Amino acid sequence: MGGVPVGQAAAGVLVQWLGPRATILVLGAFLAMLAAAATLSGEVRRAPPVAQARARLVS
C-alpha cells in the first residue's frame, strides 16, 4: 500500500517531463517487464494452487 503514493508521484513527474503519451509508454514498458519477471520466476511458476496453499495455512 505504501507504493501507491510513490507511483502516483512518479507518474506525475513523468507526465510533466515527457508528456502523457510517453508516460503511458514508459509505464506500460515497466509493467510489461514486471509481468515478464513474474512469469519467468521459478517461485511463481512452482507455486501451489490457491486452494492447496489455503489448506496449508488453515491446518
PDB file of N, CA and C in Angstrom:
ATOM      1  N   MET A   1       0.815  -1.200   0.000  1.00  0.00           N
ATOM      2  CA  MET A   1       0.000   0.000   0.000  1.00  0.00           C
ATOM      3  C   MET A   1       0.853   1.257   0.000  1.00  0.00           C
ATOM      4  N   GLY A   2       2.057   1.192   0.527  1.00  0.00           N
ATOM      5  CA  GLY A   2       2.913   2.364   0.588  1.00  0.00           C
ATOM      6  C   GLY A   2       3.455   2.773  -0.766  1.00  0.00           C
ATOM      7  N   GLY A   3       3.366   1.873  -1.740  1.00  0.00           N
ATOM      8  CA  GLY A   3       3.890   2.181  -3.060  1.00  0.00           C
ATOM      9  C   GLY A   3       2.963   3.034  -3.911  1.00  0.00           C
ATOM     10  N   VAL A   4       1.709   3.106  -3.535  1.00  0.00           N
ATOM     11  CA  VAL A   4       0.738   3.853  -4.341  1.00  0.00           C
ATOM     12  C   VAL A   4       1.091   5.343  -4.418  1.00  0.00           C
ATOM     13  N   PRO A   5       1.377   6.017  -3.312  1.00  0.00           N
ATOM     14  CA  PRO A   5       1.734   7.438  -3.432  1.00  0.00           C
ATOM     15  C   PRO A   5       3.019   7.655  -4.224  1.00  0.00           C
ATOM     16  N   VAL A   6       3.972   6.736  -4.088  1.00  0.00           N
ATOM     17  CA  VAL A   6       5.230   6.856  -4.836  1.00  0.00           C
ATOM     18  C   VAL A   6       4.946   6.716  -6.334  1.00  0.00           C
ATOM     19  N   GLY A   7       4.108   5.753  -6.698  1.00  0.00           N
ATOM     20  CA  GLY A   7       3.749   5.572  -8.097  1.00  0.00           C
ATOM     21  C   GLY A   7       3.008   6.770  -8.663  1.00  0.00           C
ATOM     22  N   GLN A   8       2.123   7.319  -7.875  1.00  0.00           N
ATOM     23  CA  GLN A   8       1.379   8.493  -8.328  1.00  0.00           C
ATOM     24  C   GLN A   8       2.311   9.689  -8.520  1.00  0.00           C
ATOM     25  N   ALA A   9       3.239   9.864  -7.598  1.00  0.00           N
ATOM     26  CA  ALA A   9       4.193  10.966  -7.732  1.00  0.00           C
ATOM     27  C   ALA A   9       5.089  10.763  -8.949  1.00  0.00           C
ATOM     28  N   ALA A  10       5.555   9.517  -9.145  1.00  0.00           N
ATOM     29  CA  ALA A  10       6.405   9.229 -10.303  1.00  0.00           C
ATOM     30  C   ALA A  10       5.649   9.469 -11.604  1.00  0.00           C
ATOM     31  N   ALA A  11       4.394   9.061 -11.651  1.00  0.00           N
ATOM     32  CA  ALA A  11       3.595   9.280 -12.856  1.00  0.00           C
ATOM     33  C   ALA A  11       3.405  10.772 -13.102  1.00  0.00           C
ATOM     34  N   GLY A  12       3.185  11.537 -12.066  1.00  0.00           N
ATOM     35  CA  GLY A  12       3.033  12.983 -12.219  1.00  0.00           C
ATOM     36  C   GLY A  12       4.292  13.642 -12.760  1.00  0.00           C
ATOM     37  N   VAL A  13       5.444  13.209 -12.229  1.00  0.00           N
ATOM     38  CA  VAL A  13       6.717  13.759 -12.706  1.00  0.00           C
ATOM     39  C   VAL A  13       6.946  13.378 -14.161  1.00  0.00           C
ATOM     40  N   LEU A  14       6.664  12.131 -14.501  1.00  0.00           N
ATOM     41  CA  LEU A  14       6.840  11.691 -15.885  1.00  0.00           C
ATOM     42  C   LEU A  14       5.925  12.461 -16.840  1.00  0.00           C
ATOM     43  N   VAL A  15       4.696  12.704 -16.434  1.00  0.00           N
ATOM     44  CA  VAL A  15       3.781  13.466 -17.294  1.00  0.00           C
ATOM     45  C   VAL A  15       4.326  14.877 -17.507  1.00  0.00           C
ATOM     46  N   GLN A  16       4.863  15.467 -16.441  1.00  0.00           N
ATOM     47  CA  GLN A  16       5.424  16.819 -16.565  1.00  0.00           C
ATOM     48  C   GLN A  16       6.627  16.837 -17.506  1.00  0.00           C
ATOM     49  N   TRP A  17       7.517  15.838 -17.379  1.00  0.00           N
ATOM     50  CA  TRP A  17       8.753  15.812 -18.163  1.00  0.00           C
ATOM     51  C   TRP A  17       8.554  15.300 -19.584  1.00  0.00           C
ATOM     52  N   LEU A  18       7.772  14.216 -19.729  1.00  0.00           N
ATOM     53  CA  LEU A  18       7.687  13.527 -21.018  1.00  0.00           C
ATOM     54  C   LEU A  18       6.394  13.763 -21.779  1.00  0.00           C
ATOM     55  N   GLY A  19       5.344  14.145 -21.075  1.00  0.00           N
ATOM     56  CA  GLY A  19       4.030  14.263 -21.691  1.00  0.00           C
ATOM     57  C   GLY A  19       3.235  12.986 -21.470  1.00  0.00           C
ATOM     58  N   PRO A  20       1.930  13.040 -21.716  1.00  0.00           N
ATOM     59  CA  PRO A  20       1.077  11.902 -21.403  1.00  0.00           C
ATOM     60  C   PRO A  20       1.350  10.652 -22.236  1.00  0.00           C
ATOM     61  N   ARG A  21       1.576  10.798 -23.525  1.00  0.00           N
ATOM     62  CA  ARG A  21       1.781   9.616 -24.376  1.00  0.00           C
ATOM     63  C   ARG A  21       3.050   8.870 -24.002  1.00  0.00           C
ATOM     64  N   ALA A  22       4.133   9.607 -23.845  1.00  0.00           N
ATOM     65  CA  ALA A  22       5.401   8.966 -23.486  1.00  0.00           C
ATOM     66  C   ALA A  22       5.314   8.336 -22.096  1.00  0.00           C
ATOM     67  N   THR A  23       4.594   8.985 -21.186  1.00  0.00           N
ATOM     68  CA  THR A  23       4.425   8.430 -19.840  1.00  0.00           C
ATOM     69  C   THR A  23       3.702   7.099 -19.898  1.00  0.00           C
ATOM     70  N   ILE A  24       2.654   7.031 -20.695  1.00  0.00           N
ATOM     71  CA  ILE A  24       1.919   5.773 -20.835  1.00  0.00           C
ATOM     72  C   ILE A  24       2.828   4.696 -21.402  1.00  0.00           C
ATOM     73  N   LEU A  25       3.654   5.040 -22.382  1.00  0.00           N
ATOM     74  CA  LEU A  25       4.579   4.069 -22.958  1.00  0.00           C
ATOM     75  C   LEU A  25       5.617   3.610 -21.939  1.00  0.00           C
ATOM     76  N   VAL A  26       6.167   4.542 -21.185  1.00  0.00           N
ATOM     77  CA  VAL A  26       7.180   4.193 -20.181  1.00  0.00           C
ATOM     78  C   VAL A  26       6.571   3.300 -19.104  1.00  0.00           C
ATOM     79  N   LEU A  27       5.431   3.682 -18.576  1.00  0.00           N
ATOM     80  CA  LEU A  27       4.800   2.884 -17.527  1.00  0.00           C
ATOM     81  C   LEU A  27       4.327   1.536 -18.056  1.00  0.00           C
ATOM     82  N   GLY A  28       3.856   1.500 -19.292  1.00  0.00           N
ATOM     83  CA  GLY A  28       3.468   0.233 -19.903  1.00  0.00           C
ATOM     84  C   GLY A  28       4.655  -0.699 -20.062  1.00  0.00           C
ATOM     85  N   ALA A  29       5.788  -0.151 -20.475  1.00  0.00           N
ATOM     86  CA  ALA A  29       7.005  -0.962 -20.605  1.00  0.00           C
ATOM     87  C   ALA A  29       7.457  -1.475 -19.241  1.00  0.00           C
ATOM     88  N   PHE A  30       7.361  -0.640 -18.235  1.00  0.00           N
ATOM     89  CA  PHE A  30       7.716  -1.056 -16.874  1.00  0.00           C
ATOM     90  C   PHE A  30       6.827  -2.201 -16.402  1.00  0.00           C
ATOM     91  N   LEU A  31       5.529  -2.084 -16.627  1.00  0.00           N
ATOM     92  CA  LEU A  31       4.603  -3.147 -16.218  1.00  0.00           C
ATOM     93  C   LEU A  31       4.836  -4.427 -17.014  1.00  0.00           C
ATOM     94  N   ALA A  32       5.179  -4.296 -18.286  1.00  0.00           N
ATOM     95  CA  ALA A  32       5.488  -5.477 -19.087  1.00  0.00           C
ATOM     96  C   ALA A  32       6.733  -6.180 -18.562  1.00  0.00           C
ATOM     97  N   MET A  33       7.735  -5.406 -18.135  1.00  0.00           N
ATOM     98  CA  MET A  33       8.938  -6.021 -17.560  1.00  0.00           C
ATOM     99  C   MET A  33       8.620  -6.724 -16.246  1.00  0.00           C
ATOM    100  N   LEU A  34       7.771  -6.128 -15.427  1.00  0.00           N
ATOM    101  CA  LEU A  34       7.364  -6.781 -14.181  1.00  0.00           C
ATOM    102  C   LEU A  34       6.616  -8.078 -14.457  1.00  0.00           C
ATOM    103  N   ALA A  35       5.740  -8.064 -15.440  1.00  0.00           N
ATOM    104  CA  ALA A  35       4.992  -9.269 -15.795  1.00  0.00           C
ATOM    105  C   ALA A  35       5.928 -10.357 -16.313  1.00  0.00           C
ATOM    106  N   ALA A  36       6.904  -9.976 -17.121  1.00  0.00           N
ATOM    107  CA  ALA A  36       7.873 -10.951 -17.632  1.00  0.00           C
ATOM    108  C   ALA A  36       8.705 -11.527 -16.497  1.00  0.00           C
ATOM    109  N   ALA A  37       9.128 -10.689 -15.570  1.00  0.00           N
ATOM    110  CA  ALA A  37       9.907 -11.169 -14.431  1.00  0.00           C
ATOM    111  C   ALA A  37       9.098 -12.149 -13.587  1.00  0.00           C
ATOM    112  N   ALA A  38       7.830 -11.849 -13.352  1.00  0.00           N
ATOM    113  CA  ALA A  38       6.977 -12.756 -12.583  1.00  0.00           C
ATOM    114  C   ALA A  38       6.757 -14.058 -13.335  1.00  0.00           C
ATOM    115  N   THR A  39       6.584 -13.973 -14.646  1.00  0.00           N
ATOM    116  CA  THR A  39       6.364 -15.164 -15.455  1.00  0.00           C
ATOM    117  C   THR A  39       7.593 -16.059 -15.458  1.00  0.00           C
ATOM    118  N   LEU A  40       8.767 -15.474 -15.509  1.00  0.00           N
ATOM    119  CA  LEU A  40       9.999 -16.241 -15.564  1.00  0.00           C
ATOM    120  C   LEU A  40      10.479 -16.714 -14.190  1.00  0.00           C
ATOM    121  N   SER A  41       9.877 -16.203 -13.138  1.00  0.00           N
ATOM    122  CA  SER A  41      10.279 -16.576 -11.785  1.00  0.00           C
ATOM    123  C   SER A  41       9.890 -18.019 -11.487  1.00  0.00           C
ATOM    124  N   GLY A  42      10.865 -18.804 -11.072  1.00  0.00           N
ATOM    125  CA  GLY A  42      10.603 -20.191 -10.730  1.00  0.00           C
ATOM    126  C   GLY A  42       9.664 -20.323  -9.541  1.00  0.00           C
ATOM    127  N   GLU A  43       9.783 -19.433  -8.574  1.00  0.00           N
ATOM    128  CA  GLU A  43       8.916 -19.479  -7.399  1.00  0.00           C
ATOM    129  C   GLU A  43       7.449 -19.289  -7.785  1.00  0.00           C
ATOM    130  N   VAL A  44       7.196 -18.396  -8.692  1.00  0.00           N
ATOM    131  CA  VAL A  44       5.814 -18.148  -9.123  1.00  0.00           C
ATOM    132  C   VAL A  44       5.291 -19.336  -9.930  1.00  0.00           C
ATOM    133  N   ARG A  45       6.135 -19.878 -10.819  1.00  0.00           N
ATOM    134  CA  ARG A  45       5.693 -20.995 -11.660  1.00  0.00           C
ATOM    135  C   ARG A  45       5.459 -22.263 -10.851  1.00  0.00           C
ATOM    136  N   ARG A  46       6.206 -22.441  -9.750  1.00  0.00           N
ATOM    137  CA  ARG A  46       6.060 -23.650  -8.938  1.00  0.00           C
ATOM    138  C   ARG A  46       5.109 -23.460  -7.758  1.00  0.00           C
ATOM    139  N   ALA A  47       4.464 -22.331  -7.671  1.00  0.00           N
ATOM    140  CA  ALA A  47       3.552 -22.062  -6.553  1.00  0.00           C
ATOM    141  C   ALA A  47       2.387 -23.047  -6.583  1.00  0.00           C
ATOM    142  N   PRO A  48       1.964 -23.506  -5.402  1.00  0.00           N
ATOM    143  CA  PRO A  48       0.836 -24.435  -5.363  1.00  0.00           C
ATOM    144  C   PRO A  48      -0.469 -23.724  -5.722  1.00  0.00           C
ATOM    145  N   PRO A  49      -1.478 -24.497  -6.117  1.00  0.00           N
ATOM    146  CA  PRO A  49      -2.794 -23.882  -6.366  1.00  0.00           C
ATOM    147  C   PRO A  49      -3.296 -23.156  -5.110  1.00  0.00           C
ATOM    148  N   VAL A  50      -4.133 -22.176  -5.294  1.00  0.00           N
ATOM    149  CA  VAL A  50      -4.618 -21.355  -4.179  1.00  0.00           C
ATOM    150  C   VAL A  50      -5.292 -22.216  -3.114  1.00  0.00           C
ATOM    151  N   ALA A  51      -6.143 -23.159  -3.517  1.00  0.00           N
ATOM    152  CA  ALA A  51      -6.852 -23.998  -2.549  1.00  0.00           C
ATOM    153  C   ALA A  51      -5.859 -24.790  -1.694  1.00  0.00           C
ATOM    154  N   GLN A  52      -4.816 -25.304  -2.307  1.00  0.00           N
ATOM    155  CA  GLN A  52      -3.812 -26.074  -1.574  1.00  0.00           C
ATOM    156  C   GLN A  52      -3.029 -25.169  -0.614  1.00  0.00           C
ATOM    157  N   ALA A  53      -2.693 -23.981  -1.046  1.00  0.00           N
ATOM    158  CA  ALA A  53      -1.975 -23.044  -0.192  1.00  0.00           C
ATOM    159  C   ALA A  53      -2.843 -22.625   1.001  1.00  0.00           C
ATOM    160  N   ARG A  54      -4.130 -22.402   0.763  1.00  0.00           N
ATOM    161  CA  ARG A  54      -5.032 -22.045   1.867  1.00  0.00           C
ATOM    162  C   ARG A  54      -5.152 -23.187   2.857  1.00  0.00           C
ATOM    163  N   ALA A  55      -5.231 -24.415   2.349  1.00  0.00           N
ATOM    164  CA  ALA A  55      -5.338 -25.567   3.237  1.00  0.00           C
ATOM    165  C   ALA A  55      -4.109 -25.666   4.139  1.00  0.00           C
ATOM    166  N   ARG A  56      -2.950 -25.342   3.641  1.00  0.00           N
ATOM    167  CA  ARG A  56      -1.727 -25.363   4.461  1.00  0.00           C
ATOM    168  C   ARG A  56      -1.783 -24.307   5.537  1.00  0.00           C
ATOM    169  N   LEU A  57      -2.340 -23.138   5.226  1.00  0.00           N
ATOM    170  CA  LEU A  57      -2.413 -22.070   6.221  1.00  0.00           C
ATOM    171  C   LEU A  57      -3.395 -22.395   7.338  1.00  0.00           C
ATOM    172  N   VAL A  58      -4.482 -23.062   6.998  1.00  0.00           N
ATOM    173  CA  VAL A  58      -5.522 -23.362   7.982  1.00  0.00           C
ATOM    174  C   VAL A  58      -5.070 -24.482   8.921  1.00  0.00           C
ATOM    175  N   SER A  59      -4.376 -25.473   8.378  1.00  0.00           N
ATOM    176  CA  SER A  59      -4.003 -26.615   9.234  1.00  0.00           C
ATOM    177  C   SER A  59      -2.803 -26.365  10.074  1.00  0.00           C
TER     178      SER A  59
END
